[in-house]
Every structure is written in C-alpha cells, then in structure tokens.
PDB file of N, CA and C in Angstrom:
ATOM      1  N   MET A   1       7.059  -0.297 -10.063  1.00  0.00           N
ATOM      2  CA  MET A   1       7.533   0.365 -10.669  1.00  0.00           C
ATOM      3  C   MET A   1       8.603   0.189 -11.095  1.00  0.00           C
ATOM      4  N   ASP A   2       8.980   1.327 -12.550  1.00  0.00           N
ATOM      5  CA  ASP A   2      10.013   1.020 -13.012  1.00  0.00           C
ATOM      6  C   ASP A   2      11.792   1.009 -12.389  1.00  0.00           C
ATOM      7  N   GLU A   3      11.985   0.128 -13.696  1.00  0.00           N
ATOM      8  CA  GLU A   3      13.827  -0.061 -12.820  1.00  0.00           C
ATOM      9  C   GLU A   3      14.409   1.388 -12.527  1.00  0.00           C
ATOM     10  N   SER A   4      13.914   2.318 -13.166  1.00  0.00           N
ATOM     11  CA  SER A   4      15.180   3.806 -12.323  1.00  0.00           C
ATOM     12  C   SER A   4      14.569   3.931 -10.964  1.00  0.00           C
ATOM     13  N   THR A   5      13.171   3.858 -10.189  1.00  0.00           N
ATOM     14  CA  THR A   5      12.840   3.466  -9.127  1.00  0.00           C
ATOM     15  C   THR A   5      13.381   2.489  -8.544  1.00  0.00           C
ATOM     16  N   ARG A   6      13.317   1.311  -8.456  1.00  0.00           N
ATOM     17  CA  ARG A   6      14.233  -0.336  -8.173  1.00  0.00           C
ATOM     18  C   ARG A   6      15.413   0.488  -7.883  1.00  0.00           C
ATOM     19  N   SER A   7      16.533   0.757  -8.737  1.00  0.00           N
ATOM     20  CA  SER A   7      18.243   1.653  -8.177  1.00  0.00           C
ATOM     21  C   SER A   7      18.368   2.697  -7.582  1.00  0.00           C
ATOM     22  N   ARG A   8      17.175   3.613  -7.151  1.00  0.00           N
ATOM     23  CA  ARG A   8      17.310   5.172  -6.421  1.00  0.00           C
ATOM     24  C   ARG A   8      17.412   4.242  -4.486  1.00  0.00           C
ATOM     25  N   SER A   9      18.093   4.821  -4.061  1.00  0.00           N
ATOM     26  CA  SER A   9      17.991   4.536  -1.965  1.00  0.00           C
ATOM     27  C   SER A   9      16.548   5.595  -2.523  1.00  0.00           C
ATOM     28  N   ALA A  10      15.371   5.216  -0.931  1.00  0.00           N
ATOM     29  CA  ALA A  10      14.811   5.819  -0.610  1.00  0.00           C
ATOM     30  C   ALA A  10      14.524   5.829   0.640  1.00  0.00           C
ATOM     31  N   GLU A  11      14.133   6.108   1.184  1.00  0.00           N
ATOM     32  CA  GLU A  11      13.561   6.337   2.630  1.00  0.00           C
ATOM     33  C   GLU A  11      12.427   5.719   3.320  1.00  0.00           C
ATOM     34  N   GLY A  12      11.619   5.902   1.721  1.00  0.00           N
ATOM     35  CA  GLY A  12       9.618   5.830   2.013  1.00  0.00           C
ATOM     36  C   GLY A  12       9.026   5.671   0.537  1.00  0.00           C
ATOM     37  N   ARG A  13       8.536   4.667   0.889  1.00  0.00           N
ATOM     38  CA  ARG A  13       6.969   5.200  -0.659  1.00  0.00           C
ATOM     39  C   ARG A  13       5.836   4.451   0.173  1.00  0.00           C
ATOM     40  N   ALA A  14       5.141   5.109  -1.248  1.00  0.00           N
ATOM     41  CA  ALA A  14       3.449   4.394   0.041  1.00  0.00           C
ATOM     42  C   ALA A  14       2.928   4.295  -2.315  1.00  0.00           C
ATOM     43  N   GLN A  15       2.060   3.914  -1.481  1.00  0.00           N
ATOM     44  CA  GLN A  15       1.515   2.461  -2.546  1.00  0.00           C
ATOM     45  C   GLN A  15      -0.240   3.056  -2.051  1.00  0.00           C
ATOM     46  N   ALA A  16      -1.483   3.322  -2.847  1.00  0.00           N
ATOM     47  CA  ALA A  16      -2.971   3.098  -2.512  1.00  0.00           C
ATOM     48  C   ALA A  16      -3.171   0.959  -3.016  1.00  0.00           C
ATOM     49  N   GLY A  17      -3.526   1.032  -1.760  1.00  0.00           N
ATOM     50  CA  GLY A  17      -4.762  -0.328  -2.332  1.00  0.00           C
ATOM     51  C   GLY A  17      -5.165  -0.216  -3.378  1.00  0.00           C
ATOM     52  N   PRO A  18      -6.388  -1.407  -2.437  1.00  0.00           N
ATOM     53  CA  PRO A  18      -6.963  -1.153  -4.043  1.00  0.00           C
ATOM     54  C   PRO A  18      -6.554   0.491  -5.354  1.00  0.00           C
ATOM     55  N   ASP A  19      -6.935   0.491  -6.754  1.00  0.00           N
ATOM     56  CA  ASP A  19      -7.494   1.458  -7.211  1.00  0.00           C
ATOM     57  C   ASP A  19      -8.548   1.685  -7.231  1.00  0.00           C
ATOM     58  N   ASN A  20      -8.528   2.788  -6.699  1.00  0.00           N
ATOM     59  CA  ASN A  20      -9.615   4.261  -6.655  1.00  0.00           C
ATOM     60  C   ASN A  20     -11.043   4.219  -7.583  1.00  0.00           C
ATOM     61  N   GLU A  21     -10.648   3.987  -8.736  1.00  0.00           N
ATOM     62  CA  GLU A  21     -11.236   4.036  -9.943  1.00  0.00           C
ATOM     63  C   GLU A  21     -11.577   2.808 -10.454  1.00  0.00           C
ATOM     64  N   THR A  22     -10.638   1.234 -10.466  1.00  0.00           N
ATOM     65  CA  THR A  22     -11.259  -0.169 -10.915  1.00  0.00           C
ATOM     66  C   THR A  22     -11.095  -1.202  -9.786  1.00  0.00           C
ATOM     67  N   GLY A  23     -10.537  -0.535  -8.760  1.00  0.00           N
ATOM     68  CA  GLY A  23     -10.787  -1.813  -7.220  1.00  0.00           C
ATOM     69  C   GLY A  23     -10.044  -2.542  -6.902  1.00  0.00           C
ATOM     70  N   ALA A  24      -8.843  -2.562  -8.593  1.00  0.00           N
ATOM     71  CA  ALA A  24      -8.072  -3.762  -9.042  1.00  0.00           C
ATOM     72  C   ALA A  24      -6.812  -4.382  -7.665  1.00  0.00           C
ATOM     73  N   PRO A  25      -6.747  -4.539  -7.180  1.00  0.00           N
ATOM     74  CA  PRO A  25      -6.089  -5.332  -6.098  1.00  0.00           C
ATOM     75  C   PRO A  25      -4.527  -4.745  -6.339  1.00  0.00           C
ATOM     76  N   GLN A  26      -3.084  -4.159  -5.969  1.00  0.00           N
ATOM     77  CA  GLN A  26      -1.977  -3.869  -6.145  1.00  0.00           C
ATOM     78  C   GLN A  26      -1.403  -5.307  -5.582  1.00  0.00           C
ATOM     79  N   PRO A  27       0.123  -5.327  -5.874  1.00  0.00           N
ATOM     80  CA  PRO A  27       0.619  -5.947  -5.339  1.00  0.00           C
ATOM     81  C   PRO A  27       1.766  -6.097  -4.044  1.00  0.00           C
ATOM     82  N   LEU A  28       1.146  -5.772  -2.629  1.00  0.00           N
ATOM     83  CA  LEU A  28       1.717  -4.874  -1.236  1.00  0.00           C
ATOM     84  C   LEU A  28       2.312  -5.381  -1.432  1.00  0.00           C
ATOM     85  N   SER A  29       2.518  -7.089  -0.687  1.00  0.00           N
ATOM     86  CA  SER A  29       3.569  -8.027  -0.295  1.00  0.00           C
ATOM     87  C   SER A  29       4.465  -8.009  -1.138  1.00  0.00           C
ATOM     88  N   ASP A  30       4.644  -7.826  -1.989  1.00  0.00           N
ATOM     89  CA  ASP A  30       5.408  -7.656  -3.057  1.00  0.00           C
ATOM     90  C   ASP A  30       6.212  -6.538  -3.294  1.00  0.00           C
ATOM     91  N   LEU A  31       5.181  -4.955  -2.962  1.00  0.00           N
ATOM     92  CA  LEU A  31       6.245  -3.862  -2.574  1.00  0.00           C
ATOM     93  C   LEU A  31       6.602  -3.738  -1.868  1.00  0.00           C
ATOM     94  N   ALA A  32       6.008  -3.953  -0.825  1.00  0.00           N
ATOM     95  CA  ALA A  32       6.400  -4.107   0.536  1.00  0.00           C
ATOM     96  C   ALA A  32       7.883  -4.830   0.339  1.00  0.00           C
ATOM     97  N   ALA A  33       8.501  -6.035   0.448  1.00  0.00           N
ATOM     98  CA  ALA A  33       9.687  -7.067  -0.077  1.00  0.00           C
ATOM     99  C   ALA A  33      10.765  -6.185  -1.010  1.00  0.00           C
ATOM    100  N   LEU A  34      10.594  -5.324  -1.802  1.00  0.00           N
ATOM    101  CA  LEU A  34      10.718  -4.678  -1.996  1.00  0.00           C
ATOM    102  C   LEU A  34      11.491  -3.976  -1.915  1.00  0.00           C
ATOM    103  N   ALA A  35      10.627  -2.887  -1.326  1.00  0.00           N
ATOM    104  CA  ALA A  35      10.685  -1.807  -0.309  1.00  0.00           C
ATOM    105  C   ALA A  35      12.033  -1.520   1.143  1.00  0.00           C
ATOM    106  N   HIS A  36      11.537  -2.625   1.439  1.00  0.00           N
ATOM    107  CA  HIS A  36      12.663  -3.191   2.337  1.00  0.00           C
ATOM    108  C   HIS A  36      13.378  -3.475   2.082  1.00  0.00           C
ATOM    109  N   GLU A  37      13.729  -4.406   0.983  1.00  0.00           N
ATOM    110  CA  GLU A  37      15.033  -4.454   0.533  1.00  0.00           C
ATOM    111  C   GLU A  37      15.829  -3.254   0.392  1.00  0.00           C
ATOM    112  N   HIS A  38      15.807  -2.645   0.336  1.00  0.00           N
ATOM    113  CA  HIS A  38      16.080  -0.891   0.080  1.00  0.00           C
ATOM    114  C   HIS A  38      16.419  -0.302   1.011  1.00  0.00           C
ATOM    115  N   GLY A  39      15.819  -0.567   1.512  1.00  0.00           N
ATOM    116  CA  GLY A  39      15.934  -0.553   3.632  1.00  0.00           C
ATOM    117  C   GLY A  39      15.191   1.198   3.548  1.00  0.00           C
ATOM    118  N   ALA A  40      14.020   0.854   2.411  1.00  0.00           N
ATOM    119  CA  ALA A  40      12.664   1.807   2.665  1.00  0.00           C
ATOM    120  C   ALA A  40      11.512   0.962   3.436  1.00  0.00           C
ATOM    121  N   LEU A  41       9.980   2.241   4.238  1.00  0.00           N
ATOM    122  CA  LEU A  41       9.031   1.581   4.574  1.00  0.00           C
ATOM    123  C   LEU A  41       8.274   1.473   3.315  1.00  0.00           C
ATOM    124  N   LEU A  42       7.231   1.001   3.738  1.00  0.00           N
ATOM    125  CA  LEU A  42       6.136   1.235   3.188  1.00  0.00           C
ATOM    126  C   LEU A  42       4.822   1.796   3.781  1.00  0.00           C
ATOM    127  N   ARG A  43       4.275   2.941   3.019  1.00  0.00           N
ATOM    128  CA  ARG A  43       3.126   3.245   3.711  1.00  0.00           C
ATOM    129  C   ARG A  43       2.161   2.761   2.625  1.00  0.00           C
ATOM    130  N   CYS A  44       0.727   2.050   3.321  1.00  0.00           N
ATOM    131  CA  CYS A  44      -0.396   2.348   2.366  1.00  0.00           C
ATOM    132  C   CYS A  44      -1.255   2.916   2.407  1.00  0.00           C
ATOM    133  N   ASP A  45      -2.010   3.381   1.220  1.00  0.00           N
ATOM    134  CA  ASP A  45      -3.163   4.174   1.156  1.00  0.00           C
ATOM    135  C   ASP A  45      -4.624   3.639   1.141  1.00  0.00           C
ATOM    136  N   ALA A  46      -5.002   3.286   2.600  1.00  0.00           N
ATOM    137  CA  ALA A  46      -6.179   2.062   2.298  1.00  0.00           C
ATOM    138  C   ALA A  46      -7.287   1.984   2.342  1.00  0.00           C
ATOM    139  N   VAL A  47      -7.529   3.442   2.151  1.00  0.00           N
ATOM    140  CA  VAL A  47      -9.167   4.318   2.325  1.00  0.00           C
ATOM    141  C   VAL A  47     -10.182   3.259   1.848  1.00  0.00           C
ATOM    142  N   GLN A  48      -9.823   3.217   0.749  1.00  0.00           N
ATOM    143  CA  GLN A  48     -10.357   2.274  -0.387  1.00  0.00           C
ATOM    144  C   GLN A  48     -11.550   1.289   0.506  1.00  0.00           C
ATOM    145  N   ALA A  49     -10.000   0.177   0.876  1.00  0.00           N
ATOM    146  CA  ALA A  49     -10.307  -0.974   1.228  1.00  0.00           C
ATOM    147  C   ALA A  49     -10.885  -1.185   2.412  1.00  0.00           C
ATOM    148  N   VAL A  50     -10.161  -0.949   3.705  1.00  0.00           N
ATOM    149  CA  VAL A  50     -11.199  -0.436   4.763  1.00  0.00           C
ATOM    150  C   VAL A  50     -12.529  -0.778   4.638  1.00  0.00           C
ATOM    151  N   GLY A  51     -13.270  -1.570   5.204  1.00  0.00           N
ATOM    152  CA  GLY A  51     -14.840  -1.555   6.040  1.00  0.00           C
ATOM    153  C   GLY A  51     -15.498  -2.386   4.706  1.00  0.00           C
ATOM    154  N   LYS A  52     -13.905  -2.623   2.961  1.00  0.00           N
ATOM    155  CA  LYS A  52     -14.731  -2.825   1.913  1.00  0.00           C
ATOM    156  C   LYS A  52     -14.110  -4.538   2.039  1.00  0.00           C
ATOM    157  N   ILE A  53     -12.913  -4.528   2.733  1.00  0.00           N
ATOM    158  CA  ILE A  53     -12.706  -6.022   2.577  1.00  0.00           C
ATOM    159  C   ILE A  53     -11.887  -5.749   3.133  1.00  0.00           C
ATOM    160  N   THR A  54     -11.016  -7.455   3.756  1.00  0.00           N
ATOM    161  CA  THR A  54      -9.779  -7.740   4.352  1.00  0.00           C
ATOM    162  C   THR A  54      -8.462  -7.013   4.464  1.00  0.00           C
ATOM    163  N   VAL A  55      -8.409  -6.508   5.316  1.00  0.00           N
ATOM    164  CA  VAL A  55      -6.959  -5.427   5.963  1.00  0.00           C
ATOM    165  C   VAL A  55      -6.570  -6.139   6.466  1.00  0.00           C
ATOM    166  N   ASP A  56      -5.091  -6.679   6.094  1.00  0.00           N
ATOM    167  CA  ASP A  56      -4.038  -7.425   7.275  1.00  0.00           C
ATOM    168  C   ASP A  56      -2.661  -7.336   6.734  1.00  0.00           C
ATOM    169  N   VAL A  57      -2.411  -6.043   8.153  1.00  0.00           N
ATOM    170  CA  VAL A  57      -1.054  -5.248   7.744  1.00  0.00           C
ATOM    171  C   VAL A  57       0.102  -6.237   8.020  1.00  0.00           C
ATOM    172  N   GLU A  58      -0.032  -7.037   8.672  1.00  0.00           N
ATOM    173  CA  GLU A  58       1.243  -7.789   8.809  1.00  0.00           C
ATOM    174  C   GLU A  58       1.265  -9.274   7.907  1.00  0.00           C
ATOM    175  N   ALA A  59      -0.088  -9.329   7.403  1.00  0.00           N
ATOM    176  CA  ALA A  59      -0.041 -10.291   6.311  1.00  0.00           C
ATOM    177  C   ALA A  59       0.644  -9.335   4.867  1.00  0.00           C
ATOM    178  N   LEU A  60       0.163  -8.017   4.545  1.00  0.00           N
ATOM    179  CA  LEU A  60       0.757  -7.305   3.559  1.00  0.00           C
ATOM    180  C   LEU A  60       2.286  -7.040   3.864  1.00  0.00           C
ATOM    181  N   GLY A  61       3.159  -6.863   4.709  1.00  0.00           N
ATOM    182  CA  GLY A  61       3.653  -6.284   5.627  1.00  0.00           C
ATOM    183  C   GLY A  61       4.102  -5.034   4.547  1.00  0.00           C
ATOM    184  N   VAL A  62       3.340  -3.885   4.535  1.00  0.00           N
ATOM    185  CA  VAL A  62       4.011  -2.339   4.894  1.00  0.00           C
ATOM    186  C   VAL A  62       3.956  -2.473   5.975  1.00  0.00           C
ATOM    187  N   ASP A  63       4.663  -1.251   5.870  1.00  0.00           N
ATOM    188  CA  ASP A  63       5.299  -0.568   7.809  1.00  0.00           C
ATOM    189  C   ASP A  63       3.868   0.741   7.970  1.00  0.00           C
ATOM    190  N   LEU A  64       3.613   0.721   7.742  1.00  0.00           N
ATOM    191  CA  LEU A  64       2.039   2.254   8.284  1.00  0.00           C
ATOM    192  C   LEU A  64       1.551   2.075   7.428  1.00  0.00           C
ATOM    193  N   LEU A  65      -0.549   2.372   7.595  1.00  0.00           N
ATOM    194  CA  LEU A  65      -1.158   1.719   6.799  1.00  0.00           C
ATOM    195  C   LEU A  65      -1.801   3.544   6.592  1.00  0.00           C
ATOM    196  N   THR A  66      -2.911   3.313   5.870  1.00  0.00           N
ATOM    197  CA  THR A  66      -3.815   5.455   6.284  1.00  0.00           C
ATOM    198  C   THR A  66      -5.194   4.353   6.103  1.00  0.00           C
ATOM    199  N   ALA A  67      -5.778   5.535   6.985  1.00  0.00           N
ATOM    200  CA  ALA A  67      -7.557   5.097   6.239  1.00  0.00           C
ATOM    201  C   ALA A  67      -8.394   6.295   6.608  1.00  0.00           C
ATOM    202  N   ALA A  68      -9.486   6.176   6.304  1.00  0.00           N
ATOM    203  CA  ALA A  68     -10.585   7.159   6.912  1.00  0.00           C
ATOM    204  C   ALA A  68     -11.684   7.095   7.196  1.00  0.00           C
ATOM    205  N   CYS A  69     -12.640   7.838   8.326  1.00  0.00           N
ATOM    206  CA  CYS A  69     -13.375   7.246   8.210  1.00  0.00           C
ATOM    207  C   CYS A  69     -14.900   7.616   7.395  1.00  0.00           C
ATOM    208  N   GLY A  70     -14.885   8.077   6.907  1.00  0.00           N
ATOM    209  CA  GLY A  70     -15.743   8.369   5.934  1.00  0.00           C
ATOM    210  C   GLY A  70     -15.426   7.699   4.394  1.00  0.00           C
ATOM    211  N   MET A  71     -14.570   7.230   5.022  1.00  0.00           N
ATOM    212  CA  MET A  71     -14.588   6.130   3.384  1.00  0.00           C
ATOM    213  C   MET A  71     -15.800   4.806   3.405  1.00  0.00           C
ATOM    214  N   PRO A  72     -15.704   4.269   4.570  1.00  0.00           N
ATOM    215  CA  PRO A  72     -15.907   2.382   4.653  1.00  0.00           C
ATOM    216  C   PRO A  72     -17.373   2.451   4.139  1.00  0.00           C
ATOM    217  N   THR A  73     -18.011   3.789   4.785  1.00  0.00           N
ATOM    218  CA  THR A  73     -19.968   3.924   4.469  1.00  0.00           C
ATOM    219  C   THR A  73     -19.908   4.615   3.831  1.00  0.00           C
ATOM    220  N   SER A  74     -19.672   4.928   2.586  1.00  0.00           N
ATOM    221  CA  SER A  74     -19.994   6.330   1.103  1.00  0.00           C
ATOM    222  C   SER A  74     -20.336   4.543   0.528  1.00  0.00           C
ATOM    223  N   ARG A  75     -20.807   5.390  -0.484  1.00  0.00           N
ATOM    224  CA  ARG A  75     -20.981   4.149  -1.335  1.00  0.00           C
ATOM    225  C   ARG A  75     -20.631   4.853  -3.110  1.00  0.00           C
TER     226      ARG A  75
END
C-alpha cells in the first residue's frame, strides 16, 4: 500500500491472495493488521489459492475470504 492509501480512512479493502500470474504470495496478515489499525475490514480473493495451498482464514487475520468452485480443479 502506498502512503496515501495508508493515511485515508476506509471501511474496507480487498486484496488478492497469491498473484494470479506469478503465484507470489501476498503479505495478507500484515495487510489485515494494517486495515484493522484503521478500522477497516479486509476481504481476500483466494480463488487462486483454495485447493492449491493451505488457507487458514484465522491465521491470515482476514475478515472475509472469497473462493470459487471452478478454479481449484482447473490446471
């Protein structure tokens, strides 16, 4: 997040889990902590992750997690 995003008040943020092109993991627990510091919720788009890696919503600290049934079985 850039500095202008950090300083704004927000009700919620959304962040993808692993990058859909490179597979690079995102610092979701850090982003969740930052969102919570500012009174915001964090939704994680985990479509690329579910079925491929372990996804522990509580450990990540995200408030909402989105997944889809088609992606985990596609190659």
